[in-house]
Amino acid sequence: MILTSIIISIIYLALIWRFAYGFDKVLTFKLTDLASKTQFSILIPFRNEAKNLSSLLLSLENLNYPKHLFEIVFIDDDSTDGSAEIITQYFNKKQQKFKIIGNDRQTNSPKKDAITTAIKQAKHEWIITTDADCSLPKYWLDSFDEFIQKTKAKCIAAPVAYNKQKGFLNRFQTLDLLSLQGATIGGFGIKKPFLCNGANFGYTKTLFKTVNGFEGNTNIASGDDIFLLEKAVKKHPKNTHYLKCKHAIVKTNAQPSWSSLIEQRLRWASKASAYNNFFGKLTGLIVLLINTIIISIILLSFFGYFPLKTLFYILLIKFSIDFYLIHKTASFFNQKWVLKSFIPTFCIYPFFSVYIAFLSIFKTYKWKGREFKK
């Protein structure tokens, strides 16, 4: 048990160090005021988002990008709370061009259906997806446009962060998301991209059609982002990039309660078994193993079956390398304030992650008022 724990700890140390190394390899992209050129179709699926729409609508209105170079397409997934009316009333007053279309449900994945439906009607070659509970930075499209002009990218993953709110739960989730963003950026930096976020994701319509969209994983409700990234990396590895730009950071709210957080994490876990990316699967396995090992050796140490000195060194290794990566990520996202909760989060997270992994084996999850099986 001691030898196994040490080996897994060393493997975990090497993995996270590689992500930290890769994080620095992805250079921060800075705007240079190029003339706007790229035409975008912004796709926003929504279902009962009335309480969240105000921030999104205001941020869409305040986008700096020339209005004739982008369209906004909302996809209504059977909302019953007046979301469509709110959108219509808002943009009619602002004289902003937009359209709301209905979701053409064909599969077990409402969001994938919504995006597929919208792409069929999208006017422009470049597709950017975001969520209805997000707010967009002023130079969001400018960042994508200049990046596309300079890199000739076909698929772009971009940063997502949580809004700052009061309470430990917000800080816990913010640290968790920072670790995911650190691994996302680091994966691109070591040329093994395996994560992205559909709240800030862009790709060409041609790429979407070439890889047959979401075909092959429509039985899984979530994963509109990661499964498409897997296909993009396989088809165009040199044209799939991460936009590490402060002007491109999309903000959203963390979950308001532990119960809703658990439902969200169950939804995320539901797609893990269907990953085709070997490195992504390996990373998930190593992270699960280290957290399981930590819980096990803490319990064994408590009953005197595992040396406290070895436990201390293993915890020190994980603490140090986790903090190293998260500190880098927090600095980029201007969220170093959250590091004050790193220690309690570090103590809780192994139990939380293993609990979610165990629960995902047996439990269905709810999403937007619907229940889904794994």
Protein backbone atom coordinates (compact mmCIF):
# COMPACT_ATOMS: atom_id res chain seq x y z
CA MET A 1 0.00 0.00 0.00
CA ILE A 2 2.85 2.38 0.85
CA LEU A 3 4.66 1.71 -2.42
CA THR A 4 1.43 2.04 -4.44
CA SER A 5 0.62 5.36 -2.77
CA ILE A 6 4.09 6.73 -3.45
CA ILE A 7 4.02 5.65 -7.11
CA ILE A 8 0.58 7.19 -7.74
CA SER A 9 1.68 10.39 -5.99
CA ILE A 10 4.77 10.67 -8.19
CA ILE A 11 2.71 10.05 -11.33
CA TYR A 12 0.23 12.71 -10.22
CA LEU A 13 3.08 15.14 -9.50
CA ALA A 14 4.50 14.60 -12.99
CA LEU A 15 1.07 15.03 -14.61
CA ILE A 16 0.21 18.32 -12.90
CA TRP A 17 3.72 19.63 -13.44
CA ARG A 18 3.27 18.92 -17.16
CA PHE A 19 0.05 20.94 -17.11
CA ALA A 20 1.82 23.82 -15.36
CA TYR A 21 4.59 23.64 -17.96
CA GLY A 22 2.02 23.54 -20.77
CA PHE A 23 0.14 26.47 -19.24
CA ASP A 24 3.19 28.69 -19.78
CA LYS A 25 3.72 27.31 -23.29
CA VAL A 26 0.37 28.76 -24.37
CA LEU A 27 1.26 32.42 -24.77
CA THR A 28 -1.17 35.08 -23.62
CA PHE A 29 -2.81 36.58 -26.70
CA LYS A 30 -3.01 40.37 -26.82
CA LEU A 31 -5.17 42.46 -29.13
CA THR A 32 -3.39 44.63 -31.68
CA ASP A 33 -6.38 46.54 -33.11
CA LEU A 34 -6.56 44.67 -36.42
CA ALA A 35 -9.42 45.62 -38.71
CA SER A 36 -12.42 43.37 -37.99
CA LYS A 37 -12.86 40.73 -40.65
CA THR A 38 -14.44 37.48 -39.45
CA GLN A 39 -18.21 36.97 -39.58
CA PHE A 40 -19.72 35.09 -36.64
CA SER A 41 -22.94 33.30 -35.81
CA ILE A 42 -23.39 33.34 -32.02
CA LEU A 43 -25.50 30.37 -30.93
CA ILE A 44 -27.21 30.44 -27.52
CA PRO A 45 -29.44 27.51 -26.51
CA PHE A 46 -31.77 28.29 -23.62
CA ARG A 47 -34.38 26.61 -21.48
CA ASN A 48 -36.13 28.51 -18.68
CA GLU A 49 -33.36 31.08 -18.18
CA ALA A 50 -35.54 34.13 -17.45
CA LYS A 51 -33.74 34.91 -14.20
CA ASN A 52 -30.30 34.78 -15.86
CA LEU A 53 -30.90 36.57 -19.15
CA SER A 54 -30.33 40.18 -18.08
CA SER A 55 -26.54 39.88 -17.81
CA LEU A 56 -26.28 38.03 -21.12
CA LEU A 57 -28.48 40.45 -23.04
CA LEU A 58 -26.66 43.50 -21.72
CA SER A 59 -23.28 42.01 -22.59
CA LEU A 60 -24.47 41.14 -26.11
CA GLU A 61 -25.64 44.71 -26.57
CA ASN A 62 -22.27 46.04 -25.39
CA LEU A 63 -20.10 43.93 -27.70
CA ASN A 64 -17.58 46.17 -29.41
CA TYR A 65 -17.59 44.21 -32.66
CA PRO A 66 -19.21 45.71 -35.82
CA LYS A 67 -22.85 44.62 -35.75
CA HIS A 68 -22.99 43.78 -39.44
CA LEU A 69 -20.33 41.10 -38.92
CA PHE A 70 -22.27 38.91 -36.52
CA GLU A 71 -25.71 37.45 -35.91
CA ILE A 72 -27.27 36.24 -32.69
CA VAL A 73 -29.29 33.02 -32.80
CA PHE A 74 -31.21 31.91 -29.72
CA ILE A 75 -32.51 28.35 -29.65
CA ASP A 76 -35.56 27.86 -27.45
CA ASP A 77 -35.57 24.38 -25.91
CA ASP A 78 -39.22 24.31 -24.77
CA SER A 79 -38.99 27.15 -22.26
CA THR A 80 -42.07 27.79 -20.14
CA ASP A 81 -40.96 30.83 -18.12
CA GLY A 82 -41.23 33.61 -20.71
CA SER A 83 -37.53 33.56 -21.67
CA ALA A 84 -38.31 34.08 -25.37
CA GLU A 85 -40.54 37.07 -24.61
CA ILE A 86 -37.82 38.67 -22.48
CA ILE A 87 -35.28 38.31 -25.30
CA THR A 88 -37.71 39.67 -27.89
CA GLN A 89 -38.73 42.68 -25.82
CA TYR A 90 -35.15 43.54 -24.96
CA PHE A 91 -33.76 43.49 -28.50
CA ASN A 92 -36.81 45.13 -30.09
CA LYS A 93 -36.13 48.16 -27.89
CA LYS A 94 -32.43 48.13 -28.81
CA GLN A 95 -33.01 47.55 -32.53
CA GLN A 96 -30.50 44.73 -32.39
CA LYS A 97 -30.76 42.01 -35.04
CA PHE A 98 -31.47 38.58 -33.57
CA LYS A 99 -33.64 35.55 -34.09
CA ILE A 100 -35.21 32.90 -31.90
CA ILE A 101 -35.73 29.46 -33.34
CA GLY A 102 -37.24 26.32 -31.86
CA ASN A 103 -35.18 23.28 -31.02
CA ASP A 104 -35.65 20.37 -33.41
CA ARG A 105 -35.34 17.44 -31.01
CA GLN A 106 -33.91 14.34 -32.66
CA THR A 107 -31.76 12.68 -29.98
CA ASN A 108 -31.28 12.19 -26.25
CA SER A 109 -29.21 15.39 -26.09
CA PRO A 110 -31.29 18.59 -26.14
CA LYS A 111 -28.29 20.90 -26.29
CA LYS A 112 -26.59 19.04 -29.14
CA ASP A 113 -29.91 19.11 -31.01
CA ALA A 114 -30.21 22.85 -30.39
CA ILE A 115 -26.74 23.59 -31.76
CA THR A 116 -27.25 21.30 -34.75
CA THR A 117 -30.59 22.97 -35.49
CA ALA A 118 -29.04 26.43 -35.33
CA ILE A 119 -26.00 25.59 -37.46
CA LYS A 120 -28.34 24.55 -40.28
CA GLN A 121 -29.77 28.09 -40.23
CA ALA A 122 -26.61 30.03 -39.37
CA LYS A 123 -25.57 32.57 -42.01
CA HIS A 124 -21.85 32.70 -41.22
CA GLU A 125 -18.96 30.27 -41.40
CA TRP A 126 -17.70 30.81 -37.88
CA ILE A 127 -19.85 29.43 -35.07
CA ILE A 128 -19.42 30.53 -31.46
CA THR A 129 -21.45 28.95 -28.69
CA THR A 130 -22.17 30.31 -25.25
CA ASP A 131 -24.78 29.75 -22.55
CA ALA A 132 -27.78 31.83 -21.52
CA ASP A 133 -26.49 32.25 -17.96
CA CYS A 134 -23.23 33.86 -19.08
CA SER A 135 -21.99 37.40 -19.58
CA LEU A 136 -19.62 38.22 -22.41
CA PRO A 137 -16.64 40.60 -22.34
CA LYS A 138 -16.75 43.71 -24.53
CA TYR A 139 -13.94 42.58 -26.83
CA TRP A 140 -15.03 38.93 -26.99
CA LEU A 141 -15.53 38.76 -30.75
CA ASP A 142 -12.54 41.03 -31.40
CA SER A 143 -10.37 38.49 -29.57
CA PHE A 144 -11.67 35.59 -31.64
CA ASP A 145 -11.38 37.59 -34.87
CA GLU A 146 -7.74 38.64 -34.38
CA PHE A 147 -6.80 35.15 -33.20
CA ILE A 148 -8.39 33.61 -36.29
CA GLN A 149 -6.63 36.08 -38.57
CA LYS A 150 -3.25 35.33 -37.00
CA THR A 151 -3.51 31.56 -36.52
CA LYS A 152 -5.86 30.34 -39.28
CA ALA A 153 -7.59 28.26 -36.61
CA LYS A 154 -10.57 26.03 -37.35
CA CYS A 155 -11.50 25.26 -33.74
CA ILE A 156 -10.92 27.48 -30.69
CA ALA A 157 -11.42 26.75 -27.01
CA ALA A 158 -11.56 29.86 -24.82
CA PRO A 159 -11.58 30.75 -21.11
CA VAL A 160 -14.52 30.59 -18.70
CA ALA A 161 -14.60 31.85 -15.11
CA TYR A 162 -17.09 32.13 -12.27
CA ASN A 163 -18.32 35.48 -11.03
CA LYS A 164 -17.15 36.45 -7.57
CA GLN A 165 -19.86 35.93 -4.97
CA LYS A 166 -19.95 35.64 -1.20
CA GLY A 167 -19.52 32.36 0.60
CA PHE A 168 -17.25 29.35 0.73
CA LEU A 169 -19.32 27.41 -1.82
CA ASN A 170 -18.51 30.00 -4.48
CA ARG A 171 -14.81 29.92 -3.61
CA PHE A 172 -14.82 26.10 -3.64
CA GLN A 173 -16.30 26.02 -7.13
CA THR A 174 -14.04 28.80 -8.36
CA LEU A 175 -10.95 26.88 -7.25
CA ASP A 176 -12.33 23.75 -8.91
CA LEU A 177 -12.96 25.59 -12.18
CA LEU A 178 -9.50 27.18 -12.03
CA SER A 179 -7.97 23.73 -11.75
CA LEU A 180 -9.99 22.60 -14.78
CA GLN A 181 -9.00 25.68 -16.76
CA GLY A 182 -5.37 25.14 -15.77
CA ALA A 183 -5.53 21.56 -17.04
CA THR A 184 -7.36 22.72 -20.18
CA ILE A 185 -4.73 25.33 -21.06
CA GLY A 186 -1.90 23.02 -20.00
CA GLY A 187 -3.26 20.26 -22.22
CA PHE A 188 -3.15 22.56 -25.23
CA GLY A 189 0.36 23.66 -24.23
CA ILE A 190 1.73 20.12 -24.29
CA LYS A 191 -0.21 19.42 -27.50
CA LYS A 192 -2.64 17.03 -25.84
CA PRO A 193 -5.89 19.03 -25.73
CA PHE A 194 -8.66 17.15 -24.00
CA LEU A 195 -10.88 19.75 -22.31
CA CYS A 196 -12.91 22.79 -23.36
CA ASN A 197 -16.10 24.56 -22.29
CA GLY A 198 -19.17 25.04 -24.48
CA ALA A 199 -19.82 28.40 -22.81
CA ASN A 200 -16.92 29.77 -24.86
CA PHE A 201 -16.19 27.59 -27.86
CA GLY A 202 -15.75 28.41 -31.54
CA TYR A 203 -15.37 26.40 -34.72
CA THR A 204 -16.09 26.63 -38.41
CA LYS A 205 -19.29 25.34 -39.91
CA THR A 206 -17.17 23.40 -42.39
CA LEU A 207 -15.39 21.56 -39.59
CA PHE A 208 -18.69 20.75 -37.91
CA LYS A 209 -20.05 19.24 -41.11
CA THR A 210 -16.80 17.45 -41.98
CA VAL A 211 -16.74 15.56 -38.67
CA ASN A 212 -20.50 14.89 -38.89
CA GLY A 213 -21.32 17.13 -35.97
CA PHE A 214 -22.23 15.26 -32.81
CA GLU A 215 -22.84 11.97 -34.57
CA GLY A 216 -21.65 9.07 -32.42
CA ASN A 217 -22.36 10.57 -29.00
CA THR A 218 -25.92 11.87 -29.16
CA ASN A 219 -26.98 9.19 -26.68
CA ILE A 220 -25.19 11.23 -23.99
CA ALA A 221 -27.08 14.36 -22.96
CA SER A 222 -24.04 16.55 -22.28
CA GLY A 223 -20.66 16.85 -23.99
CA ASP A 224 -21.49 19.18 -26.87
CA ASP A 225 -18.06 20.70 -26.31
CA ILE A 226 -15.60 17.92 -25.44
CA PHE A 227 -16.79 15.35 -27.97
CA LEU A 228 -16.59 17.92 -30.75
CA LEU A 229 -13.12 18.94 -29.57
CA GLU A 230 -12.02 15.31 -29.77
CA LYS A 231 -13.14 15.17 -33.40
CA ALA A 232 -11.49 18.52 -34.20
CA VAL A 233 -8.17 17.44 -32.69
CA LYS A 234 -8.26 14.22 -34.69
CA LYS A 235 -9.17 15.96 -37.96
CA HIS A 236 -7.24 19.24 -37.63
CA PRO A 237 -4.67 18.95 -34.80
CA LYS A 238 -2.62 21.92 -36.04
CA ASN A 239 -5.67 24.16 -36.40
CA THR A 240 -7.19 23.53 -32.98
CA HIS A 241 -6.07 26.11 -30.42
CA TYR A 242 -6.73 27.70 -27.05
CA LEU A 243 -7.41 31.44 -26.97
CA LYS A 244 -5.55 32.50 -23.83
CA CYS A 245 -6.73 36.09 -23.82
CA LYS A 246 -8.03 38.15 -20.90
CA HIS A 247 -10.43 39.96 -23.26
CA ALA A 248 -12.05 36.62 -24.14
CA ILE A 249 -12.98 35.44 -20.64
CA VAL A 250 -16.68 34.56 -20.41
CA LYS A 251 -18.18 34.79 -16.93
CA THR A 252 -20.96 32.71 -15.41
CA ASN A 253 -22.37 32.05 -11.95
CA ALA A 254 -21.38 29.10 -9.81
CA GLN A 255 -24.07 26.74 -8.55
CA PRO A 256 -26.13 28.26 -5.72
CA SER A 257 -26.27 25.14 -3.51
CA TRP A 258 -24.40 21.94 -2.80
CA SER A 259 -27.30 19.89 -4.19
CA SER A 260 -27.26 21.74 -7.53
CA LEU A 261 -23.45 21.44 -7.62
CA ILE A 262 -23.73 17.68 -7.18
CA GLU A 263 -26.26 17.49 -10.04
CA GLN A 264 -23.93 19.52 -12.25
CA ARG A 265 -20.95 17.32 -11.45
CA LEU A 266 -23.00 14.18 -12.07
CA ARG A 267 -23.85 15.57 -15.49
CA TRP A 268 -20.18 16.22 -16.18
CA ALA A 269 -19.22 12.75 -14.95
CA SER A 270 -21.84 11.09 -17.17
CA LYS A 271 -19.80 11.76 -20.30
CA ALA A 272 -16.41 10.63 -18.95
CA SER A 273 -16.83 6.96 -19.87
CA ALA A 274 -17.54 7.91 -23.49
CA TYR A 275 -14.31 9.89 -24.01
CA ASN A 276 -12.24 8.69 -26.94
CA ASN A 277 -9.21 10.74 -25.94
CA PHE A 278 -6.79 8.36 -24.21
CA PHE A 279 -4.88 11.15 -22.49
CA GLY A 280 -8.13 12.60 -21.14
CA LYS A 281 -9.18 9.21 -19.76
CA LEU A 282 -5.73 8.67 -18.25
CA THR A 283 -5.81 12.09 -16.60
CA GLY A 284 -9.22 11.43 -15.09
CA LEU A 285 -8.07 8.05 -13.82
CA ILE A 286 -4.92 9.46 -12.19
CA VAL A 287 -6.88 12.25 -10.49
CA LEU A 288 -9.46 9.77 -9.21
CA LEU A 289 -6.73 7.41 -7.98
CA ILE A 290 -4.83 10.08 -6.05
CA ASN A 291 -8.01 11.29 -4.35
CA THR A 292 -9.05 7.73 -3.51
CA ILE A 293 -5.57 6.94 -2.19
CA ILE A 294 -5.60 10.04 0.02
CA ILE A 295 -8.92 9.08 1.60
CA SER A 296 -7.73 5.51 2.10
CA ILE A 297 -4.41 6.36 3.73
CA ILE A 298 -6.01 8.99 5.97
CA LEU A 299 -8.36 6.31 7.31
CA LEU A 300 -5.55 3.76 7.59
CA SER A 301 -3.35 6.29 9.39
CA PHE A 302 -6.13 7.03 11.83
CA PHE A 303 -6.26 3.36 12.81
CA GLY A 304 -2.47 3.06 12.86
CA TYR A 305 -2.06 1.01 9.68
CA PHE A 306 -0.22 3.62 7.61
CA PRO A 307 2.83 5.72 8.60
CA LEU A 308 1.93 9.32 9.41
CA LYS A 309 5.24 10.52 7.98
CA THR A 310 4.48 8.99 4.58
CA LEU A 311 0.96 10.43 4.68
CA PHE A 312 2.42 13.86 5.37
CA TYR A 313 4.79 13.68 2.40
CA ILE A 314 2.05 12.51 0.03
CA LEU A 315 -0.25 15.33 1.13
CA LEU A 316 2.61 17.81 0.81
CA ILE A 317 3.31 16.67 -2.76
CA LYS A 318 -0.32 17.05 -3.79
CA PHE A 319 -0.78 20.33 -1.93
CA SER A 320 2.31 21.90 -3.49
CA ILE A 321 1.71 20.90 -7.10
CA ASP A 322 -2.02 21.71 -6.95
CA PHE A 323 -1.28 25.15 -5.53
CA TYR A 324 1.42 25.74 -8.17
CA LEU A 325 -0.99 25.15 -11.07
CA ILE A 326 -3.98 26.91 -9.50
CA HIS A 327 -1.88 29.94 -8.57
CA LYS A 328 -0.80 30.26 -12.22
CA THR A 329 -4.40 29.99 -13.39
CA ALA A 330 -5.74 32.37 -10.75
CA SER A 331 -3.15 34.95 -11.78
CA PHE A 332 -4.27 34.81 -15.41
CA PHE A 333 -7.96 35.08 -14.46
CA ASN A 334 -7.31 37.82 -11.87
CA GLN A 335 -8.85 35.61 -9.18
CA LYS A 336 -6.04 35.30 -6.66
CA TRP A 337 -8.51 36.38 -3.98
CA VAL A 338 -9.91 32.85 -4.00
CA LEU A 339 -6.63 31.32 -2.82
CA LYS A 340 -7.55 32.13 0.79
CA SER A 341 -9.88 29.13 0.63
CA PHE A 342 -7.33 26.79 -0.92
CA ILE A 343 -6.54 24.88 2.28
CA PRO A 344 -10.16 23.98 3.25
CA THR A 345 -10.94 23.19 -0.39
CA PHE A 346 -7.85 20.97 -0.57
CA CYS A 347 -9.10 19.07 2.49
CA ILE A 348 -12.67 18.64 1.21
CA TYR A 349 -12.07 18.00 -2.50
CA PRO A 350 -10.83 14.36 -2.35
CA PHE A 351 -14.00 13.33 -0.51
CA PHE A 352 -16.20 15.38 -2.85
CA SER A 353 -14.66 14.03 -6.06
CA VAL A 354 -14.71 10.40 -4.96
CA TYR A 355 -18.31 10.79 -3.78
CA ILE A 356 -19.32 12.13 -7.22
CA ALA A 357 -17.47 9.32 -9.00
CA PHE A 358 -19.20 6.71 -6.84
CA LEU A 359 -22.62 8.34 -7.17
CA SER A 360 -22.34 8.61 -10.96
CA ILE A 361 -22.22 4.83 -11.25
CA PHE A 362 -25.72 4.42 -9.87
CA LYS A 363 -27.58 7.72 -10.05
CA THR A 364 -29.39 9.54 -12.83
CA TYR A 365 -29.13 13.33 -12.91
CA LYS A 366 -31.43 16.25 -13.54
CA TRP A 367 -30.71 19.03 -15.99
CA LYS A 368 -33.03 21.93 -16.86
CA GLY A 369 -35.98 20.16 -15.25
CA ARG A 370 -35.38 16.87 -17.09
CA GLU A 371 -33.99 13.60 -15.82
CA PHE A 372 -31.26 11.80 -17.73
CA LYS A 373 -29.63 8.43 -17.43
CA LYS A 374 -25.89 8.02 -17.70
